[in-house]
């Protein structure tokens, strides 16, 4: 089964819009329904998800308590392939160093794809065999069994 990294915004999008592309992609990891790929996360990605979900404007939109956020993160940890946090010197050179964690997780897990709308990631297109795809491209490939 292929491994895929979703950037933080894709996971937050799935929470904020339960019928949107982000949700379809996240649920296709087997969180709900058939598993079409294995989700990959790292502790660093989980920390960022928690931080973003606690932004006041985001928290106002989803309305989740701290306990529910923690339950969700624990579900991701239990369900996903979790990679270790990278050593400080082991970085990918990106325009936004905060995006290194997604490539590091993908490379550590042997993931083929990162799904994102982040232009910093999308502009790279591919790095060491890891392709960056927009959500709609990923869904189309997944639907057509082209992954």
N, C-alpha and C. Protein backbone atom coordinates (compact mmCIF):
# COMPACT_ATOMS: atom_id res chain seq x y z
N UNK A 1 0.84 -1.18 0.00
CA UNK A 1 0.00 0.00 0.00
C UNK A 1 0.89 1.24 0.00
N UNK A 2 0.53 2.22 -0.82
CA UNK A 2 1.34 3.44 -0.89
C UNK A 2 1.19 4.26 0.38
N UNK A 3 2.23 5.01 0.67
CA UNK A 3 2.23 5.90 1.84
C UNK A 3 2.16 7.33 1.34
N UNK A 4 1.40 8.16 2.09
CA UNK A 4 1.15 9.54 1.68
C UNK A 4 1.22 10.45 2.90
N UNK A 5 1.84 11.61 2.73
CA UNK A 5 1.86 12.65 3.75
C UNK A 5 0.86 13.73 3.35
N UNK A 6 0.00 14.11 4.28
CA UNK A 6 -0.89 15.25 4.07
C UNK A 6 -0.31 16.43 4.83
N UNK A 7 -0.22 17.58 4.19
CA UNK A 7 0.29 18.72 4.95
C UNK A 7 -0.77 19.15 5.97
N UNK A 8 -0.35 19.96 6.91
CA UNK A 8 -1.23 20.37 8.02
C UNK A 8 -2.52 20.98 7.52
N UNK A 9 -2.44 21.81 6.50
CA UNK A 9 -3.65 22.49 6.02
C UNK A 9 -4.66 21.51 5.45
N UNK A 10 -4.20 20.39 4.89
CA UNK A 10 -5.14 19.38 4.38
C UNK A 10 -5.90 18.72 5.53
N UNK A 11 -5.21 18.46 6.61
CA UNK A 11 -5.86 17.83 7.76
C UNK A 11 -6.81 18.80 8.44
N UNK A 12 -6.39 20.05 8.60
CA UNK A 12 -7.27 21.06 9.19
C UNK A 12 -8.47 21.30 8.29
N UNK A 13 -8.26 21.33 7.00
CA UNK A 13 -9.36 21.49 6.04
C UNK A 13 -10.38 20.36 6.18
N UNK A 14 -9.90 19.15 6.42
CA UNK A 14 -10.81 18.00 6.60
C UNK A 14 -11.70 18.20 7.81
N UNK A 15 -11.16 18.81 8.85
CA UNK A 15 -11.94 19.05 10.07
C UNK A 15 -12.93 20.19 9.85
N UNK A 16 -12.50 21.24 9.19
CA UNK A 16 -13.36 22.41 8.99
C UNK A 16 -14.44 22.19 7.94
N UNK A 17 -14.18 21.31 6.98
CA UNK A 17 -15.14 21.07 5.90
C UNK A 17 -15.31 19.56 5.72
N UNK A 18 -16.17 18.94 6.53
CA UNK A 18 -16.31 17.48 6.51
C UNK A 18 -16.81 16.88 5.20
N UNK A 19 -17.17 17.69 4.24
CA UNK A 19 -17.59 17.15 2.95
C UNK A 19 -16.67 17.60 1.82
N UNK A 20 -15.55 18.21 2.20
CA UNK A 20 -14.62 18.73 1.20
C UNK A 20 -13.56 17.73 0.79
N UNK A 21 -12.68 18.18 -0.09
CA UNK A 21 -11.61 17.32 -0.61
C UNK A 21 -10.69 16.81 0.49
N UNK A 22 -10.35 17.69 1.43
CA UNK A 22 -9.47 17.29 2.53
C UNK A 22 -10.05 16.13 3.31
N UNK A 23 -11.35 16.18 3.56
CA UNK A 23 -12.01 15.11 4.30
C UNK A 23 -12.03 13.82 3.50
N UNK A 24 -12.34 13.92 2.22
CA UNK A 24 -12.34 12.73 1.36
C UNK A 24 -10.97 12.06 1.39
N UNK A 25 -9.93 12.88 1.30
CA UNK A 25 -8.57 12.34 1.29
C UNK A 25 -8.23 11.73 2.65
N UNK A 26 -8.50 12.44 3.73
CA UNK A 26 -8.18 11.92 5.06
C UNK A 26 -8.95 10.63 5.35
N UNK A 27 -10.22 10.60 5.04
CA UNK A 27 -11.03 9.40 5.31
C UNK A 27 -10.59 8.21 4.45
N UNK A 28 -10.01 8.49 3.29
CA UNK A 28 -9.53 7.41 2.41
C UNK A 28 -8.29 6.73 2.97
N UNK A 29 -7.74 7.29 4.05
CA UNK A 29 -6.60 6.64 4.71
C UNK A 29 -7.07 5.49 5.60
N UNK A 30 -8.38 5.28 5.61
CA UNK A 30 -8.94 4.20 6.42
C UNK A 30 -9.50 4.67 7.74
N UNK A 31 -9.43 5.98 8.01
CA UNK A 31 -10.05 6.49 9.24
C UNK A 31 -11.54 6.20 9.23
N UNK A 32 -12.10 6.16 8.04
CA UNK A 32 -13.52 5.86 7.87
C UNK A 32 -13.66 5.25 6.48
N UNK A 33 -14.15 4.06 6.40
CA UNK A 33 -14.31 3.41 5.10
C UNK A 33 -13.07 2.66 4.67
N UNK A 34 -13.01 2.38 3.38
CA UNK A 34 -11.90 1.59 2.83
C UNK A 34 -10.59 2.37 2.86
N UNK A 35 -9.52 1.67 3.18
CA UNK A 35 -8.20 2.28 3.18
C UNK A 35 -7.60 2.19 1.79
N UNK A 36 -7.30 3.36 1.22
CA UNK A 36 -6.72 3.41 -0.13
C UNK A 36 -5.23 3.72 -0.09
N UNK A 37 -4.75 4.21 1.04
CA UNK A 37 -3.34 4.52 1.22
C UNK A 37 -3.04 4.55 2.71
N UNK A 38 -1.74 4.56 3.05
CA UNK A 38 -1.34 4.66 4.44
C UNK A 38 -0.89 6.10 4.73
N UNK A 39 -1.54 6.72 5.69
CA UNK A 39 -1.21 8.08 6.10
C UNK A 39 0.10 8.06 6.87
N UNK A 40 0.96 9.04 6.59
CA UNK A 40 2.24 9.19 7.28
C UNK A 40 2.23 10.52 8.03
N UNK A 41 2.62 10.48 9.30
CA UNK A 41 2.78 11.70 10.10
C UNK A 41 4.07 11.58 10.89
N UNK A 42 4.49 12.70 11.45
CA UNK A 42 5.61 12.71 12.38
C UNK A 42 5.15 13.45 13.63
N UNK A 43 5.90 13.31 14.70
CA UNK A 43 5.56 14.06 15.92
C UNK A 43 5.54 15.55 15.62
N UNK A 44 6.46 15.99 14.79
CA UNK A 44 6.54 17.41 14.43
C UNK A 44 5.28 17.86 13.68
N UNK A 45 4.77 17.03 12.79
CA UNK A 45 3.53 17.35 12.07
C UNK A 45 2.36 17.36 13.03
N UNK A 46 2.29 16.40 13.94
CA UNK A 46 1.20 16.35 14.92
C UNK A 46 1.20 17.59 15.82
N UNK A 47 2.38 18.04 16.21
CA UNK A 47 2.49 19.25 17.03
C UNK A 47 1.97 20.45 16.25
N UNK A 48 2.32 20.53 14.97
CA UNK A 48 1.84 21.65 14.15
C UNK A 48 0.32 21.60 13.98
N UNK A 49 -0.23 20.41 13.77
CA UNK A 49 -1.69 20.27 13.64
C UNK A 49 -2.36 20.79 14.91
N UNK A 50 -1.85 20.38 16.07
CA UNK A 50 -2.44 20.82 17.34
C UNK A 50 -2.35 22.34 17.48
N UNK A 51 -1.19 22.89 17.14
CA UNK A 51 -1.01 24.34 17.24
C UNK A 51 -2.02 25.08 16.35
N UNK A 52 -2.18 24.63 15.11
CA UNK A 52 -3.10 25.28 14.17
C UNK A 52 -4.54 25.12 14.64
N UNK A 53 -4.90 23.93 15.12
CA UNK A 53 -6.28 23.72 15.59
C UNK A 53 -6.60 24.58 16.81
N UNK A 54 -5.57 25.04 17.51
CA UNK A 54 -5.78 25.91 18.67
C UNK A 54 -5.70 27.40 18.36
N UNK A 55 -5.42 27.77 17.10
CA UNK A 55 -5.50 29.18 16.74
C UNK A 55 -6.92 29.65 17.04
N UNK A 56 -7.09 30.79 17.69
CA UNK A 56 -8.44 31.24 18.05
C UNK A 56 -9.43 31.27 16.88
N UNK A 57 -9.01 31.77 15.72
CA UNK A 57 -9.96 31.85 14.60
C UNK A 57 -10.31 30.47 14.05
N UNK A 58 -9.37 29.54 14.10
CA UNK A 58 -9.63 28.17 13.64
C UNK A 58 -10.48 27.43 14.67
N UNK A 59 -10.15 27.61 15.94
CA UNK A 59 -10.91 26.95 17.02
C UNK A 59 -12.37 27.41 17.00
N UNK A 60 -12.57 28.67 16.67
CA UNK A 60 -13.93 29.20 16.59
C UNK A 60 -14.71 28.49 15.47
N UNK A 61 -14.04 28.13 14.39
CA UNK A 61 -14.69 27.47 13.26
C UNK A 61 -15.03 26.01 13.55
N UNK A 62 -14.11 25.28 14.21
CA UNK A 62 -14.38 23.86 14.45
C UNK A 62 -15.08 23.60 15.78
N UNK A 63 -14.89 24.46 16.76
CA UNK A 63 -15.58 24.33 18.04
C UNK A 63 -15.16 23.14 18.89
N UNK A 64 -14.02 22.53 18.58
CA UNK A 64 -13.58 21.36 19.34
C UNK A 64 -12.94 21.79 20.66
N UNK A 65 -13.15 20.99 21.69
CA UNK A 65 -12.48 21.21 22.97
C UNK A 65 -11.04 20.70 22.85
N UNK A 66 -10.23 21.06 23.84
CA UNK A 66 -8.84 20.58 23.88
C UNK A 66 -8.83 19.05 23.94
N UNK A 67 -9.77 18.49 24.68
CA UNK A 67 -9.86 17.02 24.80
C UNK A 67 -10.17 16.37 23.45
N UNK A 68 -11.07 16.97 22.70
CA UNK A 68 -11.42 16.41 21.39
C UNK A 68 -10.25 16.52 20.41
N UNK A 69 -9.53 17.62 20.48
CA UNK A 69 -8.34 17.77 19.63
C UNK A 69 -7.34 16.67 19.97
N UNK A 70 -7.10 16.45 21.27
CA UNK A 70 -6.16 15.40 21.68
C UNK A 70 -6.64 14.02 21.26
N UNK A 71 -7.94 13.76 21.35
CA UNK A 71 -8.49 12.47 20.90
C UNK A 71 -8.25 12.27 19.40
N UNK A 72 -8.46 13.33 18.63
CA UNK A 72 -8.23 13.27 17.18
C UNK A 72 -6.75 12.98 16.88
N UNK A 73 -5.86 13.69 17.56
CA UNK A 73 -4.42 13.48 17.34
C UNK A 73 -4.00 12.07 17.74
N UNK A 74 -4.57 11.56 18.83
CA UNK A 74 -4.28 10.18 19.24
C UNK A 74 -4.79 9.18 18.21
N UNK A 75 -5.95 9.47 17.62
CA UNK A 75 -6.49 8.62 16.56
C UNK A 75 -5.53 8.60 15.36
N UNK A 76 -5.04 9.78 14.99
CA UNK A 76 -4.07 9.85 13.89
C UNK A 76 -2.83 9.04 14.22
N UNK A 77 -2.30 9.21 15.45
CA UNK A 77 -1.10 8.48 15.86
C UNK A 77 -1.31 6.97 15.81
N UNK A 78 -2.47 6.55 16.27
CA UNK A 78 -2.78 5.12 16.32
C UNK A 78 -2.94 4.54 14.91
N UNK A 79 -3.51 5.34 14.05
CA UNK A 79 -3.88 4.87 12.72
C UNK A 79 -2.76 5.02 11.68
N UNK A 80 -1.94 6.05 11.83
CA UNK A 80 -0.96 6.40 10.80
C UNK A 80 0.39 5.74 11.05
N UNK A 81 1.22 5.80 10.03
CA UNK A 81 2.63 5.41 10.12
C UNK A 81 3.33 6.64 10.69
N UNK A 82 3.91 6.53 11.89
CA UNK A 82 4.52 7.67 12.56
C UNK A 82 6.04 7.56 12.46
N UNK A 83 6.66 8.61 11.93
CA UNK A 83 8.12 8.64 11.84
C UNK A 83 8.68 9.51 12.96
N UNK A 84 9.93 9.27 13.29
CA UNK A 84 10.60 10.04 14.35
C UNK A 84 10.85 11.47 13.88
N UNK A 85 11.00 12.36 14.84
CA UNK A 85 11.35 13.74 14.53
C UNK A 85 12.80 13.76 14.03
N UNK A 86 13.07 14.55 12.98
CA UNK A 86 14.42 14.54 12.41
C UNK A 86 15.45 15.19 13.33
N UNK A 87 16.69 14.76 13.20
CA UNK A 87 17.76 15.45 13.91
C UNK A 87 17.85 16.89 13.38
N UNK A 88 18.28 17.84 14.21
CA UNK A 88 18.31 19.25 13.79
C UNK A 88 19.11 19.52 12.52
N UNK A 89 20.14 18.73 12.26
CA UNK A 89 20.99 18.98 11.09
C UNK A 89 20.45 18.32 9.82
N UNK A 90 19.44 17.47 9.95
CA UNK A 90 18.93 16.71 8.81
C UNK A 90 17.75 17.45 8.17
N UNK A 91 18.06 18.44 7.36
CA UNK A 91 17.01 19.29 6.80
C UNK A 91 17.05 19.27 5.28
N UNK A 92 15.87 19.41 4.72
CA UNK A 92 15.71 19.60 3.28
C UNK A 92 15.79 21.11 3.07
N UNK A 93 16.38 21.56 2.00
CA UNK A 93 16.48 22.99 1.75
C UNK A 93 15.25 23.44 0.97
N UNK A 94 14.36 24.15 1.64
CA UNK A 94 13.13 24.66 1.04
C UNK A 94 13.03 26.15 1.28
N UNK A 95 12.26 26.87 0.44
CA UNK A 95 12.06 28.30 0.68
C UNK A 95 11.45 28.56 2.06
N UNK A 96 10.59 27.66 2.52
CA UNK A 96 10.01 27.78 3.86
C UNK A 96 10.52 26.59 4.67
N UNK A 97 11.52 26.81 5.54
CA UNK A 97 12.10 25.71 6.30
C UNK A 97 11.06 24.95 7.15
N UNK A 98 9.94 25.58 7.45
CA UNK A 98 8.88 24.91 8.19
C UNK A 98 8.25 23.77 7.42
N UNK A 99 8.48 23.73 6.11
CA UNK A 99 7.93 22.66 5.28
C UNK A 99 8.83 21.42 5.22
N UNK A 100 10.04 21.55 5.73
CA UNK A 100 10.98 20.41 5.72
C UNK A 100 10.36 19.16 6.33
N UNK A 101 9.56 19.34 7.38
CA UNK A 101 9.02 18.19 8.11
C UNK A 101 8.20 17.27 7.22
N UNK A 102 7.54 17.81 6.20
CA UNK A 102 6.71 16.97 5.33
C UNK A 102 7.58 16.09 4.42
N UNK A 103 8.65 16.66 3.88
CA UNK A 103 9.57 15.86 3.06
C UNK A 103 10.32 14.87 3.93
N UNK A 104 10.74 15.30 5.11
CA UNK A 104 11.45 14.39 5.99
C UNK A 104 10.57 13.18 6.32
N UNK A 105 9.31 13.41 6.68
CA UNK A 105 8.39 12.31 7.00
C UNK A 105 8.22 11.39 5.79
N UNK A 106 8.03 11.99 4.63
CA UNK A 106 7.83 11.20 3.41
C UNK A 106 9.06 10.34 3.11
N UNK A 107 10.23 10.94 3.20
CA UNK A 107 11.46 10.20 2.90
C UNK A 107 11.71 9.09 3.93
N UNK A 108 11.48 9.38 5.20
CA UNK A 108 11.68 8.37 6.24
C UNK A 108 10.73 7.18 6.08
N UNK A 109 9.51 7.45 5.65
CA UNK A 109 8.49 6.39 5.55
C UNK A 109 8.47 5.71 4.19
N UNK A 110 9.17 6.29 3.22
CA UNK A 110 9.09 5.75 1.87
C UNK A 110 7.80 6.14 1.18
N UNK A 111 7.24 7.29 1.57
CA UNK A 111 6.01 7.78 0.95
C UNK A 111 6.30 8.29 -0.46
N UNK A 112 5.33 8.14 -1.33
CA UNK A 112 5.48 8.58 -2.71
C UNK A 112 4.92 9.98 -2.94
N UNK A 113 4.01 10.42 -2.06
CA UNK A 113 3.30 11.68 -2.30
C UNK A 113 3.17 12.52 -1.04
N UNK A 114 3.17 13.83 -1.27
CA UNK A 114 2.73 14.81 -0.28
C UNK A 114 1.55 15.51 -0.93
N UNK A 115 0.44 15.61 -0.21
CA UNK A 115 -0.74 16.30 -0.74
C UNK A 115 -0.81 17.66 -0.06
N UNK A 116 -0.87 18.72 -0.88
CA UNK A 116 -0.78 20.07 -0.35
C UNK A 116 -1.34 21.09 -1.34
N UNK A 117 -1.71 22.24 -0.81
CA UNK A 117 -2.03 23.42 -1.62
C UNK A 117 -0.98 24.52 -1.41
N UNK A 118 0.01 24.23 -0.58
CA UNK A 118 1.06 25.19 -0.25
C UNK A 118 1.97 25.39 -1.47
N UNK A 119 2.04 26.62 -1.97
CA UNK A 119 2.85 26.90 -3.16
C UNK A 119 4.33 26.59 -2.96
N UNK A 120 4.84 26.78 -1.73
CA UNK A 120 6.25 26.44 -1.47
C UNK A 120 6.50 24.96 -1.77
N UNK A 121 5.56 24.12 -1.38
CA UNK A 121 5.70 22.68 -1.64
C UNK A 121 5.39 22.36 -3.09
N UNK A 122 4.31 22.92 -3.62
CA UNK A 122 3.90 22.61 -4.99
C UNK A 122 4.95 23.02 -6.02
N UNK A 123 5.65 24.11 -5.76
CA UNK A 123 6.67 24.57 -6.71
C UNK A 123 7.85 23.61 -6.81
N UNK A 124 8.06 22.80 -5.80
CA UNK A 124 9.14 21.82 -5.84
C UNK A 124 8.77 20.67 -6.76
N UNK A 125 7.51 20.31 -6.81
CA UNK A 125 6.96 19.24 -7.66
C UNK A 125 7.43 17.85 -7.25
N UNK A 126 8.74 17.65 -7.17
CA UNK A 126 9.27 16.35 -6.78
C UNK A 126 10.63 16.53 -6.12
N UNK A 127 10.87 15.75 -5.08
CA UNK A 127 12.15 15.79 -4.39
C UNK A 127 12.50 14.37 -3.96
N UNK A 128 13.60 13.85 -4.47
CA UNK A 128 14.08 12.50 -4.13
C UNK A 128 12.97 11.45 -4.28
N UNK A 129 12.20 11.57 -5.35
CA UNK A 129 11.16 10.57 -5.63
C UNK A 129 9.82 10.83 -4.97
N UNK A 130 9.72 11.88 -4.16
CA UNK A 130 8.45 12.23 -3.51
C UNK A 130 7.79 13.33 -4.33
N UNK A 131 6.61 13.05 -4.86
CA UNK A 131 5.87 14.03 -5.66
C UNK A 131 4.91 14.82 -4.79
N UNK A 132 4.76 16.10 -5.09
CA UNK A 132 3.81 16.96 -4.39
C UNK A 132 2.62 17.16 -5.31
N UNK A 133 1.44 16.80 -4.82
CA UNK A 133 0.21 16.89 -5.62
C UNK A 133 -0.83 17.76 -4.93
N UNK A 134 -1.60 18.47 -5.75
CA UNK A 134 -2.77 19.18 -5.23
C UNK A 134 -3.82 18.13 -4.86
N UNK A 135 -4.70 18.46 -3.92
CA UNK A 135 -5.72 17.50 -3.48
C UNK A 135 -6.56 16.93 -4.62
N UNK A 136 -6.99 17.78 -5.55
CA UNK A 136 -7.85 17.30 -6.64
C UNK A 136 -7.10 16.33 -7.56
N UNK A 137 -5.80 16.56 -7.76
CA UNK A 137 -5.00 15.65 -8.59
C UNK A 137 -4.84 14.31 -7.86
N UNK A 138 -4.59 14.38 -6.56
CA UNK A 138 -4.45 13.15 -5.78
C UNK A 138 -5.74 12.34 -5.79
N UNK A 139 -6.88 13.00 -5.58
CA UNK A 139 -8.17 12.30 -5.58
C UNK A 139 -8.44 11.67 -6.93
N UNK A 140 -8.16 12.39 -8.00
CA UNK A 140 -8.37 11.86 -9.34
C UNK A 140 -7.51 10.61 -9.56
N UNK A 141 -6.25 10.68 -9.17
CA UNK A 141 -5.36 9.53 -9.33
C UNK A 141 -5.82 8.37 -8.45
N UNK A 142 -6.26 8.68 -7.23
CA UNK A 142 -6.73 7.64 -6.32
C UNK A 142 -8.00 6.98 -6.86
N UNK A 143 -8.91 7.79 -7.36
CA UNK A 143 -10.17 7.29 -7.90
C UNK A 143 -9.94 6.41 -9.12
N UNK A 144 -8.96 6.77 -9.93
CA UNK A 144 -8.68 6.02 -11.16
C UNK A 144 -7.61 4.94 -10.95
N UNK A 145 -7.31 4.65 -9.69
CA UNK A 145 -6.28 3.65 -9.35
C UNK A 145 -4.96 3.92 -10.06
N UNK A 146 -4.60 5.20 -10.16
CA UNK A 146 -3.39 5.58 -10.88
C UNK A 146 -2.25 5.97 -9.94
N UNK A 147 -2.38 5.63 -8.67
CA UNK A 147 -1.31 5.99 -7.72
C UNK A 147 -0.23 4.93 -7.70
